[in-house]
């Protein structure tokens, strides 16, 4: 079961690009996309500073507060 995908951005911005939004790695509702800033070269503890985006279907996403991820496994 795939719960999330992870990719990086080159600076501190961890929002979704148009390509991120329109081409989910896994097109299933509830999938989570994690975006790590600075090409993941900064010292990160946990999810602090990571963009968290939950796929809700039909190319729509909900941004979660940075560092706050709660998953309910069915």
C-alpha atoms as a PDB file:
ATOM      1  CA  UNK A   1       0.000   0.000   0.000  1.00  0.00           C
ATOM      2  CA  UNK A   2       1.392   3.390  -0.971  1.00  0.00           C
ATOM      3  CA  UNK A   3       0.620   6.082   1.601  1.00  0.00           C
ATOM      4  CA  UNK A   4       2.701   8.978   0.305  1.00  0.00           C
ATOM      5  CA  UNK A   5       5.188  10.160  -2.266  1.00  0.00           C
ATOM      6  CA  UNK A   6       8.078  12.489  -1.560  1.00  0.00           C
ATOM      7  CA  UNK A   7       9.867  14.949  -3.810  1.00  0.00           C
ATOM      8  CA  UNK A   8      12.001  18.032  -3.315  1.00  0.00           C
ATOM      9  CA  UNK A   9      11.998  21.691  -4.315  1.00  0.00           C
ATOM     10  CA  UNK A  10      15.130  23.821  -4.607  1.00  0.00           C
ATOM     11  CA  UNK A  11      14.247  26.547  -2.109  1.00  0.00           C
ATOM     12  CA  UNK A  12      12.050  26.981   0.966  1.00  0.00           C
ATOM     13  CA  UNK A  13       8.785  26.913  -1.036  1.00  0.00           C
ATOM     14  CA  UNK A  14       6.889  23.664  -0.431  1.00  0.00           C
ATOM     15  CA  UNK A  15       3.642  24.475  -2.214  1.00  0.00           C
ATOM     16  CA  UNK A  16       2.459  22.460  -5.178  1.00  0.00           C
ATOM     17  CA  UNK A  17       3.347  23.417  -8.715  1.00  0.00           C
ATOM     18  CA  UNK A  18       0.796  23.050 -11.506  1.00  0.00           C
ATOM     19  CA  UNK A  19       2.482  19.775 -12.468  1.00  0.00           C
ATOM     20  CA  UNK A  20       2.260  18.529  -8.862  1.00  0.00           C
ATOM     21  CA  UNK A  21      -1.458  19.315  -8.704  1.00  0.00           C
ATOM     22  CA  UNK A  22      -2.475  17.915 -12.061  1.00  0.00           C
ATOM     23  CA  UNK A  23      -0.304  14.780 -12.104  1.00  0.00           C
ATOM     24  CA  UNK A  24      -0.556  13.017  -8.740  1.00  0.00           C
ATOM     25  CA  UNK A  25       1.938  10.173  -8.340  1.00  0.00           C
ATOM     26  CA  UNK A  26      -0.909   8.047  -6.972  1.00  0.00           C
ATOM     27  CA  UNK A  27      -4.376   9.130  -8.061  1.00  0.00           C
ATOM     28  CA  UNK A  28      -6.213   7.689  -5.065  1.00  0.00           C
ATOM     29  CA  UNK A  29      -8.184   9.743  -2.578  1.00  0.00           C
ATOM     30  CA  UNK A  30      -6.256  10.050   0.688  1.00  0.00           C
ATOM     31  CA  UNK A  31      -2.812   9.822  -0.923  1.00  0.00           C
ATOM     32  CA  UNK A  32      -0.303  12.257   0.585  1.00  0.00           C
ATOM     33  CA  UNK A  33       2.341  14.218  -1.292  1.00  0.00           C
ATOM     34  CA  UNK A  34       5.300  15.423   0.795  1.00  0.00           C
ATOM     35  CA  UNK A  35       7.484  18.220  -0.558  1.00  0.00           C
ATOM     36  CA  UNK A  36      10.863  18.655   1.114  1.00  0.00           C
ATOM     37  CA  UNK A  37      12.550  22.080   0.742  1.00  0.00           C
ATOM     38  CA  UNK A  38      16.148  22.819  -0.309  1.00  0.00           C
ATOM     39  CA  UNK A  39      16.537  19.522  -2.207  1.00  0.00           C
ATOM     40  CA  UNK A  40      16.465  17.805   1.205  1.00  0.00           C
ATOM     41  CA  UNK A  41      19.962  19.095   2.003  1.00  0.00           C
ATOM     42  CA  UNK A  42      19.063  20.982   5.178  1.00  0.00           C
ATOM     43  CA  UNK A  43      19.058  19.227   8.527  1.00  0.00           C
ATOM     44  CA  UNK A  44      15.406  18.331   9.111  1.00  0.00           C
ATOM     45  CA  UNK A  45      13.963  16.843  12.250  1.00  0.00           C
ATOM     46  CA  UNK A  46      10.752  15.006  11.525  1.00  0.00           C
ATOM     47  CA  UNK A  47       8.343  16.757   9.192  1.00  0.00           C
ATOM     48  CA  UNK A  48       9.161  20.322  10.260  1.00  0.00           C
ATOM     49  CA  UNK A  49       9.302  22.514   7.153  1.00  0.00           C
ATOM     50  CA  UNK A  50       7.899  19.816   4.852  1.00  0.00           C
ATOM     51  CA  UNK A  51       4.882  20.649   2.672  1.00  0.00           C
ATOM     52  CA  UNK A  52       2.079  18.143   3.234  1.00  0.00           C
ATOM     53  CA  UNK A  53      -0.675  17.818   0.629  1.00  0.00           C
ATOM     54  CA  UNK A  54      -3.546  15.310   0.726  1.00  0.00           C
ATOM     55  CA  UNK A  55      -5.192  14.228  -2.515  1.00  0.00           C
ATOM     56  CA  UNK A  56      -8.993  14.429  -2.348  1.00  0.00           C
ATOM     57  CA  UNK A  57      -9.688  13.194  -5.887  1.00  0.00           C
ATOM     58  CA  UNK A  58     -10.490  14.861  -9.200  1.00  0.00           C
ATOM     59  CA  UNK A  59      -7.111  16.701  -9.226  1.00  0.00           C
ATOM     60  CA  UNK A  60      -7.938  18.484  -5.955  1.00  0.00           C
ATOM     61  CA  UNK A  61      -5.680  18.693  -2.924  1.00  0.00           C
ATOM     62  CA  UNK A  62      -5.858  19.935   0.659  1.00  0.00           C
ATOM     63  CA  UNK A  63      -2.703  21.504   2.108  1.00  0.00           C
ATOM     64  CA  UNK A  64      -2.032  20.439   5.680  1.00  0.00           C
ATOM     65  CA  UNK A  65      -0.140  22.569   8.186  1.00  0.00           C
ATOM     66  CA  UNK A  66       3.596  22.019   7.837  1.00  0.00           C
ATOM     67  CA  UNK A  67       4.787  19.314  10.169  1.00  0.00           C
ATOM     68  CA  UNK A  68       1.259  18.077  10.976  1.00  0.00           C
ATOM     69  CA  UNK A  69       0.403  14.731   9.437  1.00  0.00           C
ATOM     70  CA  UNK A  70      -2.166  12.317  10.782  1.00  0.00           C
ATOM     71  CA  UNK A  71      -3.076   9.260   8.768  1.00  0.00           C
ATOM     72  CA  UNK A  72      -5.940   6.887   9.373  1.00  0.00           C
ATOM     73  CA  UNK A  73      -5.151   3.468   7.982  1.00  0.00           C
ATOM     74  CA  UNK A  74      -8.169   1.477   6.867  1.00  0.00           C
END
